[in-house]
Amino acid sequence: MSDPAVAAIPVAECGERLVDVRTAAPGLLVAGERQDAPGDFAFLREGVLQRLLAAQESLPDGLRLQFVEGYRPPGLQRRYFEEYTGELRAAHPDWDAERLHRAASRYVSPPGIAPHSAGGAVDLTLATADGGHVDMGTPVNASPEESEGACYTGAPDLTPAARTHRRVLNAALTAAGLVNYPTEWWHWSYGDRYWALATGADRALYGPKERDGR
């Protein structure tokens, strides 16, 4: 996300609304670990949610999507980025500001271009039909440091089960039009600047957005 080419993508905001996946898509399994008091985590742009539901329909029997986090207010995204940058600065006091920004951007998007703050990104995983655990190689939101790189989508040292499950997830979401951020196997987006760069679109559909009614 630190690539200047991402920030250079223009945004032609389409005005699509944010919807609460808990009421708009009751058949979608929602995890509990990222919930916040205002419920921001459960919102997505309508177009993203429609694509998630299409992806779920294409999964093999016995598997379903588990939604973890969608929308993230710009202020919260800024806090996450600054906190992670601070952790890296403490661990690497010799790194200059540019290197810290680049390293932090592997794991947390810079606030001005963050797909989550546009409502275009979703963190998700697979679950069994009854909501049980599926081996994906790491937990959602594992950092590159704590997972020793296993959070990268194409990480080589995974169990056969985790590798298979990632392929299943990738196939379903790619076919539905979403793109993956390759340092986080769980992070997928549509309509944001990163999506536009990855797909060759000339502009993004979604820009940073404050949720109505807040």
C-alpha atoms as a PDB file:
ATOM      1  CA  MET A   1       0.000   0.000   0.000  1.00  0.00           C
ATOM      2  CA  SER A   2       2.998   2.311   0.258  1.00  0.00           C
ATOM      3  CA  ASP A   3       3.445   2.183  -3.529  1.00  0.00           C
ATOM      4  CA  PRO A   4       2.877   5.719  -4.910  1.00  0.00           C
ATOM      5  CA  ALA A   5       0.958   4.120  -7.777  1.00  0.00           C
ATOM      6  CA  VAL A   6      -1.863   3.278  -5.359  1.00  0.00           C
ATOM      7  CA  ALA A   7      -2.180   6.835  -4.062  1.00  0.00           C
ATOM      8  CA  ALA A   8      -2.039   8.142  -7.645  1.00  0.00           C
ATOM      9  CA  ILE A   9      -5.264   6.344  -8.621  1.00  0.00           C
ATOM     10  CA  PRO A  10      -8.083   8.910  -8.903  1.00  0.00           C
ATOM     11  CA  VAL A  11     -11.366   8.300  -7.088  1.00  0.00           C
ATOM     12  CA  ALA A  12     -14.723   8.799  -8.804  1.00  0.00           C
ATOM     13  CA  GLU A  13     -16.942   8.268  -5.761  1.00  0.00           C
ATOM     14  CA  CYS A  14     -20.048   6.419  -6.912  1.00  0.00           C
ATOM     15  CA  GLY A  15     -22.086   7.236  -3.805  1.00  0.00           C
ATOM     16  CA  GLU A  16     -22.968   3.633  -3.050  1.00  0.00           C
ATOM     17  CA  ARG A  17     -24.192   3.306   0.504  1.00  0.00           C
ATOM     18  CA  LEU A  18     -22.720   1.348   3.376  1.00  0.00           C
ATOM     19  CA  VAL A  19     -24.955  -1.482   4.586  1.00  0.00           C
ATOM     20  CA  ASP A  20     -24.915  -3.558   7.764  1.00  0.00           C
ATOM     21  CA  VAL A  21     -24.114  -7.138   6.764  1.00  0.00           C
ATOM     22  CA  ARG A  22     -25.842  -8.446   9.902  1.00  0.00           C
ATOM     23  CA  THR A  23     -29.253  -7.300   8.665  1.00  0.00           C
ATOM     24  CA  ALA A  24     -28.664  -7.100   4.909  1.00  0.00           C
ATOM     25  CA  ALA A  25     -27.231 -10.629   4.667  1.00  0.00           C
ATOM     26  CA  PRO A  26     -28.378 -12.739   7.646  1.00  0.00           C
ATOM     27  CA  GLY A  27     -27.008 -15.865   5.953  1.00  0.00           C
ATOM     28  CA  LEU A  28     -23.460 -14.546   6.258  1.00  0.00           C
ATOM     29  CA  LEU A  29     -21.597 -15.790   9.352  1.00  0.00           C
ATOM     30  CA  VAL A  30     -20.204 -12.871  11.380  1.00  0.00           C
ATOM     31  CA  ALA A  31     -17.313 -13.411  13.786  1.00  0.00           C
ATOM     32  CA  GLY A  32     -17.277 -11.698  17.139  1.00  0.00           C
ATOM     33  CA  GLU A  33     -13.651 -10.747  17.693  1.00  0.00           C
ATOM     34  CA  ARG A  34     -13.583  -7.374  15.882  1.00  0.00           C
ATOM     35  CA  GLN A  35     -16.907  -5.972  17.051  1.00  0.00           C
ATOM     36  CA  ASP A  36     -16.992  -2.348  18.208  1.00  0.00           C
ATOM     37  CA  ALA A  37     -19.667  -0.487  20.150  1.00  0.00           C
ATOM     38  CA  PRO A  38     -21.003   1.569  17.193  1.00  0.00           C
ATOM     39  CA  GLY A  39     -21.024  -1.541  14.992  1.00  0.00           C
ATOM     40  CA  ASP A  40     -18.826   0.042  12.310  1.00  0.00           C
ATOM     41  CA  PHE A  41     -17.003  -3.245  11.682  1.00  0.00           C
ATOM     42  CA  ALA A  42     -20.143  -4.827  10.201  1.00  0.00           C
ATOM     43  CA  PHE A  43     -20.661  -2.317   7.387  1.00  0.00           C
ATOM     44  CA  LEU A  44     -19.639  -2.675   3.732  1.00  0.00           C
ATOM     45  CA  ARG A  45     -20.500  -1.027   0.451  1.00  0.00           C
ATOM     46  CA  GLU A  46     -23.476  -2.746  -1.162  1.00  0.00           C
ATOM     47  CA  GLY A  47     -21.454  -3.883  -4.162  1.00  0.00           C
ATOM     48  CA  VAL A  48     -18.874  -5.603  -1.999  1.00  0.00           C
ATOM     49  CA  LEU A  49     -21.515  -7.455  -0.011  1.00  0.00           C
ATOM     50  CA  GLN A  50     -23.222  -8.660  -3.186  1.00  0.00           C
ATOM     51  CA  ARG A  51     -19.919 -10.100  -4.369  1.00  0.00           C
ATOM     52  CA  LEU A  52     -19.301 -11.832  -1.041  1.00  0.00           C
ATOM     53  CA  LEU A  53     -22.667 -13.541  -1.264  1.00  0.00           C
ATOM     54  CA  ALA A  54     -21.898 -14.677  -4.807  1.00  0.00           C
ATOM     55  CA  ALA A  55     -18.552 -16.042  -3.622  1.00  0.00           C
ATOM     56  CA  GLN A  56     -20.216 -17.946  -0.788  1.00  0.00           C
ATOM     57  CA  GLU A  57     -22.608 -19.592  -3.234  1.00  0.00           C
ATOM     58  CA  SER A  58     -19.634 -20.960  -5.179  1.00  0.00           C
ATOM     59  CA  LEU A  59     -17.877 -22.585  -2.206  1.00  0.00           C
ATOM     60  CA  PRO A  60     -17.699 -26.376  -1.906  1.00  0.00           C
ATOM     61  CA  ASP A  61     -20.269 -28.092   0.286  1.00  0.00           C
ATOM     62  CA  GLY A  62     -19.355 -27.914   3.957  1.00  0.00           C
ATOM     63  CA  LEU A  63     -17.640 -24.513   3.778  1.00  0.00           C
ATOM     64  CA  ARG A  64     -18.912 -20.960   4.196  1.00  0.00           C
ATOM     65  CA  LEU A  65     -17.448 -17.488   4.548  1.00  0.00           C
ATOM     66  CA  GLN A  66     -16.926 -15.988   7.975  1.00  0.00           C
ATOM     67  CA  PHE A  67     -16.959 -12.183   7.968  1.00  0.00           C
ATOM     68  CA  VAL A  68     -14.513 -10.613  10.438  1.00  0.00           C
ATOM     69  CA  GLU A  69     -14.268  -6.884   9.687  1.00  0.00           C
ATOM     70  CA  GLY A  70     -15.403  -4.494   6.982  1.00  0.00           C
ATOM     71  CA  TYR A  71     -15.663  -0.734   7.355  1.00  0.00           C
ATOM     72  CA  ARG A  72     -13.174   1.124   9.523  1.00  0.00           C
ATOM     73  CA  PRO A  73     -13.663   4.869  10.194  1.00  0.00           C
ATOM     74  CA  PRO A  74     -10.766   7.020   8.921  1.00  0.00           C
ATOM     75  CA  GLY A  75      -9.843   8.097  12.448  1.00  0.00           C
ATOM     76  CA  LEU A  76      -9.567   4.503  13.644  1.00  0.00           C
ATOM     77  CA  GLN A  77      -7.489   3.562  10.602  1.00  0.00           C
ATOM     78  CA  ARG A  78      -5.112   6.408  11.414  1.00  0.00           C
ATOM     79  CA  ARG A  79      -4.761   5.189  14.980  1.00  0.00           C
ATOM     80  CA  TYR A  80      -4.002   1.634  13.873  1.00  0.00           C
ATOM     81  CA  PHE A  81      -1.368   2.855  11.427  1.00  0.00           C
ATOM     82  CA  GLU A  82       0.314   5.090  13.991  1.00  0.00           C
ATOM     83  CA  GLU A  83       0.307   2.366  16.647  1.00  0.00           C
ATOM     84  CA  TYR A  84       1.887  -0.207  14.349  1.00  0.00           C
ATOM     85  CA  THR A  85       4.446   2.323  13.123  1.00  0.00           C
ATOM     86  CA  GLY A  86       5.309   2.966  16.766  1.00  0.00           C
ATOM     87  CA  GLU A  87       5.850  -0.745  17.380  1.00  0.00           C
ATOM     88  CA  LEU A  88       8.192  -0.940  14.404  1.00  0.00           C
ATOM     89  CA  ARG A  89      10.038   2.206  15.497  1.00  0.00           C
ATOM     90  CA  ALA A  90      10.641   0.689  18.943  1.00  0.00           C
ATOM     91  CA  ALA A  91      11.889  -2.571  17.408  1.00  0.00           C
ATOM     92  CA  HIS A  92      14.034  -0.844  14.767  1.00  0.00           C
ATOM     93  CA  PRO A  93      15.296   2.501  16.115  1.00  0.00           C
ATOM     94  CA  ASP A  94      17.765   2.776  13.230  1.00  0.00           C
ATOM     95  CA  TRP A  95      15.032   2.875  10.546  1.00  0.00           C
ATOM     96  CA  ASP A  96      14.253   6.245   8.982  1.00  0.00           C
ATOM     97  CA  ALA A  97      10.710   7.585   8.496  1.00  0.00           C
ATOM     98  CA  GLU A  98      10.430   6.366   4.894  1.00  0.00           C
ATOM     99  CA  ARG A  99      11.417   2.818   5.794  1.00  0.00           C
ATOM    100  CA  LEU A 100       9.043   2.782   8.761  1.00  0.00           C
ATOM    101  CA  HIS A 101       6.177   3.980   6.575  1.00  0.00           C
ATOM    102  CA  ARG A 102       6.912   1.357   3.935  1.00  0.00           C
ATOM    103  CA  ALA A 103       7.184  -1.459   6.475  1.00  0.00           C
ATOM    104  CA  ALA A 104       4.046  -0.403   8.342  1.00  0.00           C
ATOM    105  CA  SER A 105       2.138  -0.313   5.047  1.00  0.00           C
ATOM    106  CA  ARG A 106       2.692  -4.042   4.522  1.00  0.00           C
ATOM    107  CA  TYR A 107       0.266  -4.737   7.362  1.00  0.00           C
ATOM    108  CA  VAL A 108      -1.816  -1.581   7.943  1.00  0.00           C
ATOM    109  CA  SER A 109      -2.903   0.629   5.060  1.00  0.00           C
ATOM    110  CA  PRO A 110      -1.917   4.312   5.215  1.00  0.00           C
ATOM    111  CA  PRO A 111      -5.008   6.282   6.311  1.00  0.00           C
ATOM    112  CA  GLY A 112      -5.491   8.283   3.121  1.00  0.00           C
ATOM    113  CA  ILE A 113      -5.794   5.239   0.853  1.00  0.00           C
ATOM    114  CA  ALA A 114      -7.093   2.581   3.231  1.00  0.00           C
ATOM    115  CA  PRO A 115      -9.597   0.243   1.542  1.00  0.00           C
ATOM    116  CA  HIS A 116     -11.362  -0.412   4.864  1.00  0.00           C
ATOM    117  CA  SER A 117     -12.089   3.298   5.331  1.00  0.00           C
ATOM    118  CA  ALA A 118     -13.688   3.361   1.892  1.00  0.00           C
ATOM    119  CA  GLY A 119     -15.990   0.480   2.832  1.00  0.00           C
ATOM    120  CA  GLY A 120     -14.487  -1.521  -0.006  1.00  0.00           C
ATOM    121  CA  ALA A 121     -12.408  -4.025   1.969  1.00  0.00           C
ATOM    122  CA  VAL A 122     -13.299  -7.025   4.061  1.00  0.00           C
ATOM    123  CA  ASP A 123     -11.288  -9.289   6.315  1.00  0.00           C
ATOM    124  CA  LEU A 124     -12.683 -12.797   6.242  1.00  0.00           C
ATOM    125  CA  THR A 125     -11.924 -16.474   6.527  1.00  0.00           C
ATOM    126  CA  LEU A 126     -13.543 -19.835   5.896  1.00  0.00           C
ATOM    127  CA  ALA A 127     -15.582 -21.785   8.401  1.00  0.00           C
ATOM    128  CA  THR A 128     -17.367 -25.114   8.361  1.00  0.00           C
ATOM    129  CA  ALA A 129     -21.092 -25.149   7.641  1.00  0.00           C
ATOM    130  CA  ASP A 130     -21.838 -25.011  11.366  1.00  0.00           C
ATOM    131  CA  GLY A 131     -19.301 -22.251  12.050  1.00  0.00           C
ATOM    132  CA  GLY A 132     -16.364 -24.423  13.085  1.00  0.00           C
ATOM    133  CA  HIS A 133     -12.670 -23.649  12.700  1.00  0.00           C
ATOM    134  CA  VAL A 134     -10.914 -24.172   9.370  1.00  0.00           C
ATOM    135  CA  ASP A 135      -7.111 -24.294   9.127  1.00  0.00           C
ATOM    136  CA  MET A 136      -5.936 -21.251   7.151  1.00  0.00           C
ATOM    137  CA  GLY A 137      -2.323 -21.265   8.352  1.00  0.00           C
ATOM    138  CA  THR A 138      -2.538 -18.241  10.671  1.00  0.00           C
ATOM    139  CA  PRO A 139      -5.254 -16.366  12.523  1.00  0.00           C
ATOM    140  CA  VAL A 140      -6.816 -13.374  10.784  1.00  0.00           C
ATOM    141  CA  ASN A 141      -4.734 -10.236  11.467  1.00  0.00           C
ATOM    142  CA  ALA A 142      -1.502 -12.100  12.261  1.00  0.00           C
ATOM    143  CA  SER A 143       1.366  -9.709  11.545  1.00  0.00           C
ATOM    144  CA  PRO A 144       4.371 -10.617   9.372  1.00  0.00           C
ATOM    145  CA  GLU A 145       6.548 -10.543  12.475  1.00  0.00           C
ATOM    146  CA  GLU A 146       4.492 -12.827  14.702  1.00  0.00           C
ATOM    147  CA  SER A 147       3.603 -15.275  11.901  1.00  0.00           C
ATOM    148  CA  GLU A 148       7.130 -15.352  10.426  1.00  0.00           C
ATOM    149  CA  GLY A 149       5.630 -14.469   7.065  1.00  0.00           C
ATOM    150  CA  ALA A 150       2.911 -17.123   7.071  1.00  0.00           C
ATOM    151  CA  CYS A 151       0.310 -14.346   6.814  1.00  0.00           C
ATOM    152  CA  TYR A 152       1.409 -13.764   3.217  1.00  0.00           C
ATOM    153  CA  THR A 153      -1.143 -15.293   0.868  1.00  0.00           C
ATOM    154  CA  GLY A 154       1.453 -17.322  -1.027  1.00  0.00           C
ATOM    155  CA  ALA A 155       3.558 -18.317   1.991  1.00  0.00           C
ATOM    156  CA  PRO A 156       5.421 -21.552   1.189  1.00  0.00           C
ATOM    157  CA  ASP A 157       5.536 -23.314   4.562  1.00  0.00           C
ATOM    158  CA  LEU A 158       1.870 -24.078   5.168  1.00  0.00           C
ATOM    159  CA  THR A 159       0.143 -27.309   6.034  1.00  0.00           C
ATOM    160  CA  PRO A 160      -1.511 -29.026   3.066  1.00  0.00           C
ATOM    161  CA  ALA A 161      -4.922 -28.249   4.591  1.00  0.00           C
ATOM    162  CA  ALA A 162      -4.164 -24.537   4.988  1.00  0.00           C
ATOM    163  CA  ARG A 163      -2.817 -24.315   1.442  1.00  0.00           C
ATOM    164  CA  THR A 164      -5.940 -26.001   0.067  1.00  0.00           C
ATOM    165  CA  HIS A 165      -8.268 -23.769   2.061  1.00  0.00           C
ATOM    166  CA  ARG A 166      -6.502 -20.625   0.882  1.00  0.00           C
ATOM    167  CA  ARG A 167      -6.839 -21.793  -2.714  1.00  0.00           C
ATOM    168  CA  VAL A 168     -10.560 -22.394  -2.229  1.00  0.00           C
ATOM    169  CA  LEU A 169     -11.019 -18.932  -0.685  1.00  0.00           C
ATOM    170  CA  ASN A 170      -8.946 -17.275  -3.407  1.00  0.00           C
ATOM    171  CA  ALA A 171     -10.836 -18.981  -6.220  1.00  0.00           C
ATOM    172  CA  ALA A 172     -14.272 -18.005  -4.894  1.00  0.00           C
ATOM    173  CA  LEU A 173     -13.439 -14.382  -4.148  1.00  0.00           C
ATOM    174  CA  THR A 174     -11.434 -13.796  -7.331  1.00  0.00           C
ATOM    175  CA  ALA A 175     -14.286 -15.154  -9.432  1.00  0.00           C
ATOM    176  CA  ALA A 176     -16.623 -12.733  -7.648  1.00  0.00           C
ATOM    177  CA  GLY A 177     -14.445  -9.769  -8.657  1.00  0.00           C
ATOM    178  CA  LEU A 178     -12.502  -9.069  -5.475  1.00  0.00           C
ATOM    179  CA  VAL A 179      -8.718  -8.734  -5.224  1.00  0.00           C
ATOM    180  CA  ASN A 180      -6.397  -9.884  -2.459  1.00  0.00           C
ATOM    181  CA  TYR A 181      -3.720  -7.867  -0.732  1.00  0.00           C
ATOM    182  CA  PRO A 182      -0.889 -10.435  -0.856  1.00  0.00           C
ATOM    183  CA  THR A 183       0.634  -9.768   2.569  1.00  0.00           C
ATOM    184  CA  GLU A 184      -2.696 -10.673   4.220  1.00  0.00           C
ATOM    185  CA  TRP A 185      -4.471 -13.805   3.008  1.00  0.00           C
ATOM    186  CA  TRP A 186      -7.709 -12.640   4.683  1.00  0.00           C
ATOM    187  CA  HIS A 187      -7.886  -9.123   3.146  1.00  0.00           C
ATOM    188  CA  TRP A 188     -10.004  -8.719   0.007  1.00  0.00           C
ATOM    189  CA  SER A 189     -11.404  -5.621  -1.640  1.00  0.00           C
ATOM    190  CA  TYR A 190     -13.450  -4.240  -4.478  1.00  0.00           C
ATOM    191  CA  GLY A 191     -13.870  -0.694  -5.779  1.00  0.00           C
ATOM    192  CA  ASP A 192     -11.019   0.920  -3.816  1.00  0.00           C
ATOM    193  CA  ARG A 193      -7.741   2.331  -5.132  1.00  0.00           C
ATOM    194  CA  TYR A 194      -5.784  -0.886  -4.633  1.00  0.00           C
ATOM    195  CA  TRP A 195      -8.473  -2.830  -6.517  1.00  0.00           C
ATOM    196  CA  ALA A 196      -8.264  -0.319  -9.372  1.00  0.00           C
ATOM    197  CA  LEU A 197      -4.493  -0.690  -9.613  1.00  0.00           C
ATOM    198  CA  ALA A 198      -4.660  -4.488  -9.440  1.00  0.00           C
ATOM    199  CA  THR A 199      -7.352  -4.789 -12.107  1.00  0.00           C
ATOM    200  CA  GLY A 200      -6.206  -2.008 -14.442  1.00  0.00           C
ATOM    201  CA  ALA A 201      -9.285   0.160 -13.817  1.00  0.00           C
ATOM    202  CA  ASP A 202      -8.657   3.822 -14.535  1.00  0.00           C
ATOM    203  CA  ARG A 203     -10.258   4.989 -11.287  1.00  0.00           C
ATOM    204  CA  ALA A 204     -11.559   3.785  -7.944  1.00  0.00           C
ATOM    205  CA  LEU A 205     -15.282   3.677  -7.236  1.00  0.00           C
ATOM    206  CA  TYR A 206     -15.022   4.234  -3.493  1.00  0.00           C
ATOM    207  CA  GLY A 207     -13.091   6.810  -1.475  1.00  0.00           C
ATOM    208  CA  PRO A 208     -12.733   7.255   2.307  1.00  0.00           C
ATOM    209  CA  LYS A 209     -16.165   7.673   3.836  1.00  0.00           C
ATOM    210  CA  GLU A 210     -17.743   8.601   7.154  1.00  0.00           C
ATOM    211  CA  ARG A 211     -20.703   6.431   8.100  1.00  0.00           C
ATOM    212  CA  ASP A 212     -24.083   8.203   8.024  1.00  0.00           C
ATOM    213  CA  GLY A 213     -25.920   8.485  11.295  1.00  0.00           C
ATOM    214  CA  ARG A 214     -22.803   8.753  13.447  1.00  0.00           C
END
